[in-house]
Amino acid sequence: LGADLALFPEMWSNGYHIYGRPVEEWTA
C-alpha cells in the first residue's frame, strides 16, 4: 500500500491479553 513505516497496536506479542487472567499466567 506504499507504507514507509508500519505501526502495531499496544503489546502485539500477546494481544494485550492481560485482563481477567492470573498475573503469573500473563507475565510468563
mmCIF file of all heavy atoms, coordinates in Angstrom:
data_MODEL
# 
_entry.id   MODEL 
# 
loop_
_atom_site.group_PDB 
_atom_site.id 
_atom_site.type_symbol 
_atom_site.label_atom_id 
_atom_site.label_alt_id 
_atom_site.label_comp_id 
_atom_site.label_asym_id 
_atom_site.label_entity_id 
_atom_site.label_seq_id 
_atom_site.pdbx_PDB_ins_code 
_atom_site.Cartn_x 
_atom_site.Cartn_y 
_atom_site.Cartn_z 
_atom_site.occupancy 
_atom_site.B_iso_or_equiv 
_atom_site.pdbx_formal_charge 
_atom_site.auth_seq_id 
_atom_site.auth_comp_id 
_atom_site.auth_asym_id 
_atom_site.auth_atom_id 
_atom_site.pdbx_PDB_model_num 
ATOM 1   N N   . LEU A 1 1  ? 0.824  -1.220  0.000  1.00 0.00 ? 1  LEU A N   1 
ATOM 2   C CA  . LEU A 1 1  ? 0.000  0.000   0.000  1.00 0.00 ? 1  LEU A CA  1 
ATOM 3   C C   . LEU A 1 1  ? 0.853  1.264   0.000  1.00 0.00 ? 1  LEU A C   1 
ATOM 4   O O   . LEU A 1 1  ? 0.320  2.367   0.058  1.00 0.00 ? 1  LEU A O   1 
ATOM 5   C CB  . LEU A 1 1  ? -0.929 -0.003  1.217  1.00 0.00 ? 1  LEU A CB  1 
ATOM 6   C CG  . LEU A 1 1  ? -2.026 -1.076  1.224  1.00 0.00 ? 1  LEU A CG  1 
ATOM 7   C CD1 . LEU A 1 1  ? -2.746 -1.094  2.570  1.00 0.00 ? 1  LEU A CD1 1 
ATOM 8   C CD2 . LEU A 1 1  ? -3.015 -0.838  0.089  1.00 0.00 ? 1  LEU A CD2 1 
ATOM 9   N N   . GLY A 1 2  ? 2.165  1.089   -0.040 1.00 0.00 ? 2  GLY A N   1 
ATOM 10  C CA  . GLY A 1 2  ? 3.060  2.235   -0.141 1.00 0.00 ? 2  GLY A CA  1 
ATOM 11  C C   . GLY A 1 2  ? 3.622  2.731   1.171  1.00 0.00 ? 2  GLY A C   1 
ATOM 12  O O   . GLY A 1 2  ? 4.197  3.831   1.227  1.00 0.00 ? 2  GLY A O   1 
ATOM 13  N N   . ALA A 1 3  ? 3.499  1.950   2.238  1.00 0.00 ? 3  ALA A N   1 
ATOM 14  C CA  . ALA A 1 3  ? 3.934  2.414   3.562  1.00 0.00 ? 3  ALA A CA  1 
ATOM 15  C C   . ALA A 1 3  ? 5.450  2.544   3.654  1.00 0.00 ? 3  ALA A C   1 
ATOM 16  O O   . ALA A 1 3  ? 6.199  1.711   3.137  1.00 0.00 ? 3  ALA A O   1 
ATOM 17  C CB  . ALA A 1 3  ? 3.427  1.462   4.635  1.00 0.00 ? 3  ALA A CB  1 
ATOM 18  N N   . ASP A 1 4  ? 5.888  3.584   4.342  1.00 0.00 ? 4  ASP A N   1 
ATOM 19  C CA  . ASP A 1 4  ? 7.293  3.759   4.718  1.00 0.00 ? 4  ASP A CA  1 
ATOM 20  C C   . ASP A 1 4  ? 7.526  3.313   6.159  1.00 0.00 ? 4  ASP A C   1 
ATOM 21  O O   . ASP A 1 4  ? 8.662  3.075   6.563  1.00 0.00 ? 4  ASP A O   1 
ATOM 22  C CB  . ASP A 1 4  ? 7.695  5.236   4.601  1.00 0.00 ? 4  ASP A CB  1 
ATOM 23  C CG  . ASP A 1 4  ? 7.486  5.793   3.212  1.00 0.00 ? 4  ASP A CG  1 
ATOM 24  O OD1 . ASP A 1 4  ? 7.925  5.139   2.244  1.00 0.00 ? 4  ASP A OD1 1 
ATOM 25  O OD2 . ASP A 1 4  ? 6.877  6.879   3.089  1.00 0.00 ? 4  ASP A OD2 1 
ATOM 26  N N   . LEU A 1 5  ? 6.439  3.231   6.924  1.00 0.00 ? 5  LEU A N   1 
ATOM 27  C CA  . LEU A 1 5  ? 6.516  2.870   8.341  1.00 0.00 ? 5  LEU A CA  1 
ATOM 28  C C   . LEU A 1 5  ? 5.222  2.155   8.705  1.00 0.00 ? 5  LEU A C   1 
ATOM 29  O O   . LEU A 1 5  ? 4.131  2.611   8.337  1.00 0.00 ? 5  LEU A O   1 
ATOM 30  C CB  . LEU A 1 5  ? 6.708  4.129   9.184  1.00 0.00 ? 5  LEU A CB  1 
ATOM 31  C CG  . LEU A 1 5  ? 6.944  4.007   10.686 1.00 0.00 ? 5  LEU A CG  1 
ATOM 32  C CD1 . LEU A 1 5  ? 7.599  5.289   11.203 1.00 0.00 ? 5  LEU A CD1 1 
ATOM 33  C CD2 . LEU A 1 5  ? 5.655  3.761   11.469 1.00 0.00 ? 5  LEU A CD2 1 
ATOM 34  N N   . ALA A 1 6  ? 5.336  1.040   9.416  1.00 0.00 ? 6  ALA A N   1 
ATOM 35  C CA  . ALA A 1 6  ? 4.163  0.293   9.876  1.00 0.00 ? 6  ALA A CA  1 
ATOM 36  C C   . ALA A 1 6  ? 4.165  0.251   11.396 1.00 0.00 ? 6  ALA A C   1 
ATOM 37  O O   . ALA A 1 6  ? 5.191  -0.040  12.015 1.00 0.00 ? 6  ALA A O   1 
ATOM 38  C CB  . ALA A 1 6  ? 4.166  -1.124  9.314  1.00 0.00 ? 6  ALA A CB  1 
ATOM 39  N N   . LEU A 1 7  ? 3.014  0.536   12.004 1.00 0.00 ? 7  LEU A N   1 
ATOM 40  C CA  . LEU A 1 7  ? 2.897  0.600   13.459 1.00 0.00 ? 7  LEU A CA  1 
ATOM 41  C C   . LEU A 1 7  ? 1.837  -0.382  13.947 1.00 0.00 ? 7  LEU A C   1 
ATOM 42  O O   . LEU A 1 7  ? 0.725  -0.431  13.417 1.00 0.00 ? 7  LEU A O   1 
ATOM 43  C CB  . LEU A 1 7  ? 2.520  2.015   13.903 1.00 0.00 ? 7  LEU A CB  1 
ATOM 44  C CG  . LEU A 1 7  ? 2.313  2.231   15.404 1.00 0.00 ? 7  LEU A CG  1 
ATOM 45  C CD1 . LEU A 1 7  ? 3.614  1.995   16.170 1.00 0.00 ? 7  LEU A CD1 1 
ATOM 46  C CD2 . LEU A 1 7  ? 1.783  3.636   15.664 1.00 0.00 ? 7  LEU A CD2 1 
ATOM 47  N N   . PHE A 1 8  ? 2.184  -1.155  14.986 1.00 0.00 ? 8  PHE A N   1 
ATOM 48  C CA  . PHE A 1 8  ? 1.272  -2.118  15.593 1.00 0.00 ? 8  PHE A CA  1 
ATOM 49  C C   . PHE A 1 8  ? 0.520  -1.491  16.764 1.00 0.00 ? 8  PHE A C   1 
ATOM 50  O O   . PHE A 1 8  ? 0.980  -0.518  17.363 1.00 0.00 ? 8  PHE A O   1 
ATOM 51  C CB  . PHE A 1 8  ? 2.054  -3.333  16.096 1.00 0.00 ? 8  PHE A CB  1 
ATOM 52  C CG  . PHE A 1 8  ? 2.444  -4.303  15.013 1.00 0.00 ? 8  PHE A CG  1 
ATOM 53  C CD1 . PHE A 1 8  ? 3.612  -4.122  14.298 1.00 0.00 ? 8  PHE A CD1 1 
ATOM 54  C CD2 . PHE A 1 8  ? 1.634  -5.391  14.715 1.00 0.00 ? 8  PHE A CD2 1 
ATOM 55  C CE1 . PHE A 1 8  ? 3.977  -5.007  13.302 1.00 0.00 ? 8  PHE A CE1 1 
ATOM 56  C CE2 . PHE A 1 8  ? 1.985  -6.294  13.718 1.00 0.00 ? 8  PHE A CE2 1 
ATOM 57  C CZ  . PHE A 1 8  ? 3.165  -6.099  13.008 1.00 0.00 ? 8  PHE A CZ  1 
ATOM 58  N N   . PRO A 1 9  ? -0.620 -2.103  17.150 1.00 0.00 ? 9  PRO A N   1 
ATOM 59  C CA  . PRO A 1 9  ? -1.276 -1.701  18.398 1.00 0.00 ? 9  PRO A CA  1 
ATOM 60  C C   . PRO A 1 9  ? -0.421 -2.125  19.598 1.00 0.00 ? 9  PRO A C   1 
ATOM 61  O O   . PRO A 1 9  ? 0.577  -2.837  19.459 1.00 0.00 ? 9  PRO A O   1 
ATOM 62  C CB  . PRO A 1 9  ? -2.605 -2.482  18.374 1.00 0.00 ? 9  PRO A CB  1 
ATOM 63  C CG  . PRO A 1 9  ? -2.720 -3.064  17.003 1.00 0.00 ? 9  PRO A CG  1 
ATOM 64  C CD  . PRO A 1 9  ? -1.344 -3.165  16.450 1.00 0.00 ? 9  PRO A CD  1 
ATOM 65  N N   . GLU A 1 10 ? -0.872 -1.735  20.763 1.00 0.00 ? 10 GLU A N   1 
ATOM 66  C CA  . GLU A 1 10 ? -0.134 -1.969  22.005 1.00 0.00 ? 10 GLU A CA  1 
ATOM 67  C C   . GLU A 1 10 ? 0.032  -3.463  22.327 1.00 0.00 ? 10 GLU A C   1 
ATOM 68  O O   . GLU A 1 10 ? -0.909 -4.240  22.248 1.00 0.00 ? 10 GLU A O   1 
ATOM 69  C CB  . GLU A 1 10 ? -0.903 -1.276  23.133 1.00 0.00 ? 10 GLU A CB  1 
ATOM 70  C CG  . GLU A 1 10 ? -0.255 -1.306  24.491 1.00 0.00 ? 10 GLU A CG  1 
ATOM 71  C CD  . GLU A 1 10 ? -1.053 -0.506  25.520 1.00 0.00 ? 10 GLU A CD  1 
ATOM 72  O OE1 . GLU A 1 10 ? -2.164 -0.019  25.190 1.00 0.00 ? 10 GLU A OE1 1 
ATOM 73  O OE2 . GLU A 1 10 ? -0.557 -0.368  26.650 1.00 0.00 ? 10 GLU A OE2 1 
ATOM 74  N N   . MET A 1 11 ? 1.262  -3.833  22.705 1.00 0.00 ? 11 MET A N   1 
ATOM 75  C CA  . MET A 1 11 ? 1.578  -5.173  23.199 1.00 0.00 ? 11 MET A CA  1 
ATOM 76  C C   . MET A 1 11 ? 1.101  -6.269  22.232 1.00 0.00 ? 11 MET A C   1 
ATOM 77  O O   . MET A 1 11 ? 0.426  -7.224  22.621 1.00 0.00 ? 11 MET A O   1 
ATOM 78  C CB  . MET A 1 11 ? 0.979  -5.379  24.588 1.00 0.00 ? 11 MET A CB  1 
ATOM 79  C CG  . MET A 1 11 ? 1.750  -6.357  25.466 1.00 0.00 ? 11 MET A CG  1 
ATOM 80  S SD  . MET A 1 11 ? 0.936  -6.672  27.055 1.00 0.00 ? 11 MET A SD  1 
ATOM 81  C CE  . MET A 1 11 ? 1.182  -5.112  27.899 1.00 0.00 ? 11 MET A CE  1 
ATOM 82  N N   . TRP A 1 12 ? 1.515  -6.179  20.973 1.00 0.00 ? 12 TRP A N   1 
ATOM 83  C CA  . TRP A 1 12 ? 1.062  -7.120  19.948 1.00 0.00 ? 12 TRP A CA  1 
ATOM 84  C C   . TRP A 1 12 ? 1.496  -8.556  20.238 1.00 0.00 ? 12 TRP A C   1 
ATOM 85  O O   . TRP A 1 12 ? 0.810  -9.502  19.863 1.00 0.00 ? 12 TRP A O   1 
ATOM 86  C CB  . TRP A 1 12 ? 1.579  -6.683  18.573 1.00 0.00 ? 12 TRP A CB  1 
ATOM 87  C CG  . TRP A 1 12 ? 1.273  -7.673  17.501 1.00 0.00 ? 12 TRP A CG  1 
ATOM 88  C CD1 . TRP A 1 12 ? 2.139  -8.521  16.868 1.00 0.00 ? 12 TRP A CD1 1 
ATOM 89  C CD2 . TRP A 1 12 ? -0.012 -7.946  16.925 1.00 0.00 ? 12 TRP A CD2 1 
ATOM 90  N NE1 . TRP A 1 12 ? 1.485  -9.296  15.946 1.00 0.00 ? 12 TRP A NE1 1 
ATOM 91  C CE2 . TRP A 1 12 ? 0.158  -8.955  15.961 1.00 0.00 ? 12 TRP A CE2 1 
ATOM 92  C CE3 . TRP A 1 12 ? -1.294 -7.429  17.137 1.00 0.00 ? 12 TRP A CE3 1 
ATOM 93  C CZ2 . TRP A 1 12 ? -0.897 -9.467  15.216 1.00 0.00 ? 12 TRP A CZ2 1 
ATOM 94  C CZ3 . TRP A 1 12 ? -2.349 -7.935  16.394 1.00 0.00 ? 12 TRP A CZ3 1 
ATOM 95  C CH2 . TRP A 1 12 ? -2.144 -8.936  15.451 1.00 0.00 ? 12 TRP A CH2 1 
ATOM 96  N N   . SER A 1 13 ? 2.607  -8.757  20.909 1.00 0.00 ? 13 SER A N   1 
ATOM 97  C CA  . SER A 1 13 ? 3.108  -10.122 21.111 1.00 0.00 ? 13 SER A CA  1 
ATOM 98  C C   . SER A 1 13 ? 2.081  -11.027 21.787 1.00 0.00 ? 13 SER A C   1 
ATOM 99  O O   . SER A 1 13 ? 2.005  -12.221 21.479 1.00 0.00 ? 13 SER A O   1 
ATOM 100 C CB  . SER A 1 13 ? 4.422  -10.117 21.910 1.00 0.00 ? 13 SER A CB  1 
ATOM 101 O OG  . SER A 1 13 ? 4.219  -9.657  23.231 1.00 0.00 ? 13 SER A OG  1 
ATOM 102 N N   . ASN A 1 14 ? 1.275  -10.478 22.713 1.00 0.00 ? 14 ASN A N   1 
ATOM 103 C CA  . ASN A 1 14 ? 0.219  -11.296 23.310 1.00 0.00 ? 14 ASN A CA  1 
ATOM 104 C C   . ASN A 1 14 ? -1.153 -10.635 23.206 1.00 0.00 ? 14 ASN A C   1 
ATOM 105 O O   . ASN A 1 14 ? -2.097 -11.012 23.898 1.00 0.00 ? 14 ASN A O   1 
ATOM 106 C CB  . ASN A 1 14 ? 0.545  -11.633 24.769 1.00 0.00 ? 14 ASN A CB  1 
ATOM 107 C CG  . ASN A 1 14 ? 0.231  -10.510 25.739 1.00 0.00 ? 14 ASN A CG  1 
ATOM 108 O OD1 . ASN A 1 14 ? 0.185  -9.342  25.353 1.00 0.00 ? 14 ASN A OD1 1 
ATOM 109 N ND2 . ASN A 1 14 ? 0.025  -10.867 26.993 1.00 0.00 ? 14 ASN A ND2 1 
ATOM 110 N N   . GLY A 1 15 ? -1.259 -9.645  22.317 1.00 0.00 ? 15 GLY A N   1 
ATOM 111 C CA  . GLY A 1 15 ? -2.556 -9.008  22.063 1.00 0.00 ? 15 GLY A CA  1 
ATOM 112 C C   . GLY A 1 15 ? -3.121 -8.248  23.235 1.00 0.00 ? 15 GLY A C   1 
ATOM 113 O O   . GLY A 1 15 ? -4.339 -8.067  23.347 1.00 0.00 ? 15 GLY A O   1 
ATOM 114 N N   . TYR A 1 16 ? -2.245 -7.756  24.112 1.00 0.00 ? 16 TYR A N   1 
ATOM 115 C CA  . TYR A 1 16 ? -2.660 -7.055  25.330 1.00 0.00 ? 16 TYR A CA  1 
ATOM 116 C C   . TYR A 1 16 ? -3.687 -7.879  26.111 1.00 0.00 ? 16 TYR A C   1 
ATOM 117 O O   . TYR A 1 16 ? -4.630 -7.356  26.702 1.00 0.00 ? 16 TYR A O   1 
ATOM 118 C CB  . TYR A 1 16 ? -3.227 -5.667  25.002 1.00 0.00 ? 16 TYR A CB  1 
ATOM 119 C CG  . TYR A 1 16 ? -3.256 -4.743  26.207 1.00 0.00 ? 16 TYR A CG  1 
ATOM 120 C CD1 . TYR A 1 16 ? -2.104 -4.109  26.648 1.00 0.00 ? 16 TYR A CD1 1 
ATOM 121 C CD2 . TYR A 1 16 ? -4.436 -4.519  26.907 1.00 0.00 ? 16 TYR A CD2 1 
ATOM 122 C CE1 . TYR A 1 16 ? -2.127 -3.271  27.763 1.00 0.00 ? 16 TYR A CE1 1 
ATOM 123 C CE2 . TYR A 1 16 ? -4.469 -3.688  28.015 1.00 0.00 ? 16 TYR A CE2 1 
ATOM 124 C CZ  . TYR A 1 16 ? -3.316 -3.080  28.448 1.00 0.00 ? 16 TYR A CZ  1 
ATOM 125 O OH  . TYR A 1 16 ? -3.345 -2.264  29.550 1.00 0.00 ? 16 TYR A OH  1 
ATOM 126 N N   . HIS A 1 17 ? -3.482 -9.189  26.122 1.00 0.00 ? 17 HIS A N   1 
ATOM 127 C CA  . HIS A 1 17 ? -4.416 -10.089 26.792 1.00 0.00 ? 17 HIS A CA  1 
ATOM 128 C C   . HIS A 1 17 ? -3.962 -10.291 28.231 1.00 0.00 ? 17 HIS A C   1 
ATOM 129 O O   . HIS A 1 17 ? -3.395 -11.330 28.592 1.00 0.00 ? 17 HIS A O   1 
ATOM 130 C CB  . HIS A 1 17 ? -4.464 -11.423 26.036 1.00 0.00 ? 17 HIS A CB  1 
ATOM 131 C CG  . HIS A 1 17 ? -5.468 -12.401 26.561 1.00 0.00 ? 17 HIS A CG  1 
ATOM 132 N ND1 . HIS A 1 17 ? -6.648 -12.022 27.152 1.00 0.00 ? 17 HIS A ND1 1 
ATOM 133 C CD2 . HIS A 1 17 ? -5.465 -13.752 26.587 1.00 0.00 ? 17 HIS A CD2 1 
ATOM 134 C CE1 . HIS A 1 17 ? -7.335 -13.089 27.512 1.00 0.00 ? 17 HIS A CE1 1 
ATOM 135 N NE2 . HIS A 1 17 ? -6.627 -14.161 27.192 1.00 0.00 ? 17 HIS A NE2 1 
ATOM 136 N N   . ILE A 1 18 ? -4.200 -9.273  29.061 1.00 0.00 ? 18 ILE A N   1 
ATOM 137 C CA  . ILE A 1 18 ? -3.737 -9.316  30.448 1.00 0.00 ? 18 ILE A CA  1 
ATOM 138 C C   . ILE A 1 18 ? -4.867 -9.177  31.454 1.00 0.00 ? 18 ILE A C   1 
ATOM 139 O O   . ILE A 1 18 ? -4.649 -9.400  32.644 1.00 0.00 ? 18 ILE A O   1 
ATOM 140 C CB  . ILE A 1 18 ? -2.665 -8.230  30.721 1.00 0.00 ? 18 ILE A CB  1 
ATOM 141 C CG1 . ILE A 1 18 ? -3.246 -6.830  30.596 1.00 0.00 ? 18 ILE A CG1 1 
ATOM 142 C CG2 . ILE A 1 18 ? -1.478 -8.401  29.774 1.00 0.00 ? 18 ILE A CG2 1 
ATOM 143 C CD1 . ILE A 1 18 ? -2.257 -5.711  30.946 1.00 0.00 ? 18 ILE A CD1 1 
ATOM 144 N N   . TYR A 1 19 ? -6.057 -8.855  30.996 1.00 0.00 ? 19 TYR A N   1 
ATOM 145 C CA  . TYR A 1 19 ? -7.179 -8.680  31.908 1.00 0.00 ? 19 TYR A CA  1 
ATOM 146 C C   . TYR A 1 19 ? -7.913 -10.003 32.125 1.00 0.00 ? 19 TYR A C   1 
ATOM 147 O O   . TYR A 1 19 ? -8.030 -10.827 31.210 1.00 0.00 ? 19 TYR A O   1 
ATOM 148 C CB  . TYR A 1 19 ? -8.147 -7.635  31.375 1.00 0.00 ? 19 TYR A CB  1 
ATOM 149 C CG  . TYR A 1 19 ? -7.623 -6.225  31.529 1.00 0.00 ? 19 TYR A CG  1 
ATOM 150 C CD1 . TYR A 1 19 ? -6.893 -5.624  30.507 1.00 0.00 ? 19 TYR A CD1 1 
ATOM 151 C CD2 . TYR A 1 19 ? -7.829 -5.516  32.705 1.00 0.00 ? 19 TYR A CD2 1 
ATOM 152 C CE1 . TYR A 1 19 ? -6.393 -4.334  30.659 1.00 0.00 ? 19 TYR A CE1 1 
ATOM 153 C CE2 . TYR A 1 19 ? -7.337 -4.228  32.861 1.00 0.00 ? 19 TYR A CE2 1 
ATOM 154 C CZ  . TYR A 1 19 ? -6.618 -3.652  31.833 1.00 0.00 ? 19 TYR A CZ  1 
ATOM 155 O OH  . TYR A 1 19 ? -6.114 -2.386  32.003 1.00 0.00 ? 19 TYR A OH  1 
ATOM 156 N N   . GLY A 1 20 ? -8.404 -10.200 33.340 1.00 0.00 ? 20 GLY A N   1 
ATOM 157 C CA  . GLY A 1 20 ? -9.192 -11.385 33.644 1.00 0.00 ? 20 GLY A CA  1 
ATOM 158 C C   . GLY A 1 20 ? -8.392 -12.664 33.694 1.00 0.00 ? 20 GLY A C   1 
ATOM 159 O O   . GLY A 1 20 ? -8.961 -13.763 33.582 1.00 0.00 ? 20 GLY A O   1 
ATOM 160 N N   . ARG A 1 21 ? -7.081 -12.551 33.845 1.00 0.00 ? 21 ARG A N   1 
ATOM 161 C CA  . ARG A 1 21 ? -6.208 -13.722 33.902 1.00 0.00 ? 21 ARG A CA  1 
ATOM 162 C C   . ARG A 1 21 ? -5.299 -13.618 35.118 1.00 0.00 ? 21 ARG A C   1 
ATOM 163 O O   . ARG A 1 21 ? -4.967 -12.507 35.549 1.00 0.00 ? 21 ARG A O   1 
ATOM 164 C CB  . ARG A 1 21 ? -5.341 -13.819 32.634 1.00 0.00 ? 21 ARG A CB  1 
ATOM 165 C CG  . ARG A 1 21 ? -6.109 -13.875 31.330 1.00 0.00 ? 21 ARG A CG  1 
ATOM 166 C CD  . ARG A 1 21 ? -5.159 -13.747 30.154 1.00 0.00 ? 21 ARG A CD  1 
ATOM 167 N NE  . ARG A 1 21 ? -4.232 -14.866 30.082 1.00 0.00 ? 21 ARG A NE  1 
ATOM 168 C CZ  . ARG A 1 21 ? -3.109 -14.856 29.353 1.00 0.00 ? 21 ARG A CZ  1 
ATOM 169 N NH1 . ARG A 1 21 ? -2.778 -13.769 28.668 1.00 0.00 ? 21 ARG A NH1 1 
ATOM 170 N NH2 . ARG A 1 21 ? -2.325 -15.913 29.329 1.00 0.00 ? 21 ARG A NH2 1 
ATOM 171 N N   . PRO A 1 22 ? -4.858 -14.749 35.664 1.00 0.00 ? 22 PRO A N   1 
ATOM 172 C CA  . PRO A 1 22 ? -3.895 -14.684 36.769 1.00 0.00 ? 22 PRO A CA  1 
ATOM 173 C C   . PRO A 1 22 ? -2.628 -13.958 36.333 1.00 0.00 ? 22 PRO A C   1 
ATOM 174 O O   . PRO A 1 22 ? -2.148 -14.136 35.212 1.00 0.00 ? 22 PRO A O   1 
ATOM 175 C CB  . PRO A 1 22 ? -3.608 -16.159 37.067 1.00 0.00 ? 22 PRO A CB  1 
ATOM 176 C CG  . PRO A 1 22 ? -4.790 -16.901 36.532 1.00 0.00 ? 22 PRO A CG  1 
ATOM 177 C CD  . PRO A 1 22 ? -5.251 -16.128 35.335 1.00 0.00 ? 22 PRO A CD  1 
ATOM 178 N N   . VAL A 1 23 ? -2.112 -13.107 37.201 1.00 0.00 ? 23 VAL A N   1 
ATOM 179 C CA  . VAL A 1 23 ? -0.921 -12.324 36.873 1.00 0.00 ? 23 VAL A CA  1 
ATOM 180 C C   . VAL A 1 23 ? 0.234  -13.226 36.456 1.00 0.00 ? 23 VAL A C   1 
ATOM 181 O O   . VAL A 1 23 ? 0.942  -12.944 35.483 1.00 0.00 ? 23 VAL A O   1 
ATOM 182 C CB  . VAL A 1 23 ? -0.506 -11.444 38.076 1.00 0.00 ? 23 VAL A CB  1 
ATOM 183 C CG1 . VAL A 1 23 ? 0.842  -10.780 37.823 1.00 0.00 ? 23 VAL A CG1 1 
ATOM 184 C CG2 . VAL A 1 23 ? -1.562 -10.403 38.355 1.00 0.00 ? 23 VAL A CG2 1 
ATOM 185 N N   . GLU A 1 24 ? 0.420  -14.328 37.173 1.00 0.00 ? 24 GLU A N   1 
ATOM 186 C CA  . GLU A 1 24 ? 1.536  -15.233 36.872 1.00 0.00 ? 24 GLU A CA  1 
ATOM 187 C C   . GLU A 1 24 ? 1.427  -15.815 35.461 1.00 0.00 ? 24 GLU A C   1 
ATOM 188 O O   . GLU A 1 24 ? 2.449  -16.083 34.817 1.00 0.00 ? 24 GLU A O   1 
ATOM 189 C CB  . GLU A 1 24 ? 1.583  -16.375 37.891 1.00 0.00 ? 24 GLU A CB  1 
ATOM 190 C CG  . GLU A 1 24 ? 1.826  -15.944 39.325 1.00 0.00 ? 24 GLU A CG  1 
ATOM 191 C CD  . GLU A 1 24 ? 0.581  -15.366 39.996 1.00 0.00 ? 24 GLU A CD  1 
ATOM 192 O OE1 . GLU A 1 24 ? -0.527 -15.482 39.418 1.00 0.00 ? 24 GLU A OE1 1 
ATOM 193 O OE2 . GLU A 1 24 ? 0.727  -14.782 41.084 1.00 0.00 ? 24 GLU A OE2 1 
ATOM 194 N N   . GLU A 1 25 ? 0.195  -15.977 34.990 1.00 0.00 ? 25 GLU A N   1 
ATOM 195 C CA  . GLU A 1 25 ? -0.025 -16.567 33.667 1.00 0.00 ? 25 GLU A CA  1 
ATOM 196 C C   . GLU A 1 25 ? 0.403  -15.618 32.557 1.00 0.00 ? 25 GLU A C   1 
ATOM 197 O O   . GLU A 1 25 ? 1.157  -15.986 31.655 1.00 0.00 ? 25 GLU A O   1 
ATOM 198 C CB  . GLU A 1 25 ? -1.501 -16.941 33.509 1.00 0.00 ? 25 GLU A CB  1 
ATOM 199 C CG  . GLU A 1 25 ? -1.836 -17.611 32.189 1.00 0.00 ? 25 GLU A CG  1 
ATOM 200 C CD  . GLU A 1 25 ? -3.295 -18.011 32.138 1.00 0.00 ? 25 GLU A CD  1 
ATOM 201 O OE1 . GLU A 1 25 ? -3.695 -18.921 32.888 1.00 0.00 ? 25 GLU A OE1 1 
ATOM 202 O OE2 . GLU A 1 25 ? -4.057 -17.381 31.358 1.00 0.00 ? 25 GLU A OE2 1 
ATOM 203 N N   . TRP A 1 26 ? -0.079 -14.363 32.636 1.00 0.00 ? 26 TRP A N   1 
ATOM 204 C CA  . TRP A 1 26 ? 0.239  -13.462 31.520 1.00 0.00 ? 26 TRP A CA  1 
ATOM 205 C C   . TRP A 1 26 ? 1.643  -12.893 31.610 1.00 0.00 ? 26 TRP A C   1 
ATOM 206 O O   . TRP A 1 26 ? 2.267  -12.611 30.577 1.00 0.00 ? 26 TRP A O   1 
ATOM 207 C CB  . TRP A 1 26 ? -0.815 -12.377 31.346 1.00 0.00 ? 26 TRP A CB  1 
ATOM 208 C CG  . TRP A 1 26 ? -1.013 -11.381 32.445 1.00 0.00 ? 26 TRP A CG  1 
ATOM 209 C CD1 . TRP A 1 26 ? -1.980 -11.405 33.412 1.00 0.00 ? 26 TRP A CD1 1 
ATOM 210 C CD2 . TRP A 1 26 ? -0.266 -10.173 32.678 1.00 0.00 ? 26 TRP A CD2 1 
ATOM 211 N NE1 . TRP A 1 26 ? -1.878 -10.303 34.230 1.00 0.00 ? 26 TRP A NE1 1 
ATOM 212 C CE2 . TRP A 1 26 ? -0.835 -9.530  33.806 1.00 0.00 ? 26 TRP A CE2 1 
ATOM 213 C CE3 . TRP A 1 26 ? 0.821  -9.575  32.043 1.00 0.00 ? 26 TRP A CE3 1 
ATOM 214 C CZ2 . TRP A 1 26 ? -0.356 -8.318  34.310 1.00 0.00 ? 26 TRP A CZ2 1 
ATOM 215 C CZ3 . TRP A 1 26 ? 1.309  -8.372  32.544 1.00 0.00 ? 26 TRP A CZ3 1 
ATOM 216 C CH2 . TRP A 1 26 ? 0.732  -7.763  33.658 1.00 0.00 ? 26 TRP A CH2 1 
ATOM 217 N N   . THR A 1 27 ? 2.177  -12.709 32.807 1.00 0.00 ? 27 THR A N   1 
ATOM 218 C CA  . THR A 1 27 ? 3.553  -12.220 32.894 1.00 0.00 ? 27 THR A CA  1 
ATOM 219 C C   . THR A 1 27 ? 4.542  -13.267 32.372 1.00 0.00 ? 27 THR A C   1 
ATOM 220 O O   . THR A 1 27 ? 5.629  -12.918 31.896 1.00 0.00 ? 27 THR A O   1 
ATOM 221 C CB  . THR A 1 27 ? 3.925  -11.812 34.325 1.00 0.00 ? 27 THR A CB  1 
ATOM 222 O OG1 . THR A 1 27 ? 3.691  -12.903 35.219 1.00 0.00 ? 27 THR A OG1 1 
ATOM 223 C CG2 . THR A 1 27 ? 3.127  -10.600 34.779 1.00 0.00 ? 27 THR A CG2 1 
ATOM 224 N N   . ALA A 1 28 ? 4.149  -14.539 32.417 1.00 0.00 ? 28 ALA A N   1 
ATOM 225 C CA  . ALA A 1 28 ? 5.002  -15.604 31.882 1.00 0.00 ? 28 ALA A CA  1 
ATOM 226 C C   . ALA A 1 28 ? 5.097  -15.541 30.358 1.00 0.00 ? 28 ALA A C   1 
ATOM 227 O O   . ALA A 1 28 ? 5.967  -16.194 29.754 1.00 0.00 ? 28 ALA A O   1 
ATOM 228 C CB  . ALA A 1 28 ? 4.469  -16.968 32.320 1.00 0.00 ? 28 ALA A CB  1 
# 
